């Protein structure tokens, strides 16, 4: 499954600080903000920094946005909505709960690898949102975690997973993947496909798929009906 990219922030801001360029759309401002929020943090980034990255004045930035907070909210919400969509696609692609968990875990890692800047902002900078913006973000974060919890509970009930605490297991699966955009580089020894596969395996181990398989009773050959001679 190929993770979808977040639009329009997936188009990177190509301008360097202080180098003038044509700013023809709001997406230019958002792309520059995405780079800066991810690299140096939301609180350490001012509108002047965004303007300098684009080679324009701060006043020109305000012709496209009302505030820096508006950009943060938009980037985080769009990223979480895209993440929820690929999670839903992964879960609905099969009726096997073990495969649902694997595919959901793999899809989130692929998304983080393909959208590292947006992912970092959604993972660690969302906390600076306020009021209704923060509440809208929290609703999406809870929905994302709940989908993993539901899979874990369903698998445990079916006897194909072995989960003592579905909430902690869900947090573990999500948070181990959230570290990926901080270190993954496509030119290193592990490819996107390899890292997605490995994290799918790790998710199943956290969910106790191996313990559940060992605990399931097996049919012995001696219990099979004998053929009549």
Foldseek 3Di string as FASTA:
>chain_A
DAQDAQPPLLPAQPAAFQDEDDDDALSNLLNLLLVCCQPPNLVVDALQRSQRSNNHGSVVNCVNPVGSLVSLLVLLLSLLVSLVVQLVVLQVVDPDLLSNLLSNLLNLLNHCVSHVSSLSSNVPRLVPHDDPSNVSSVVSVVVSLVVQLVSLVVCVVVLQFPAPDSSVLSCVLVVVSSCCSVDDDCPDDAHSVRVSNVSSVVSRVSRHNVVSVVPDDDDDPVPDDDDDD
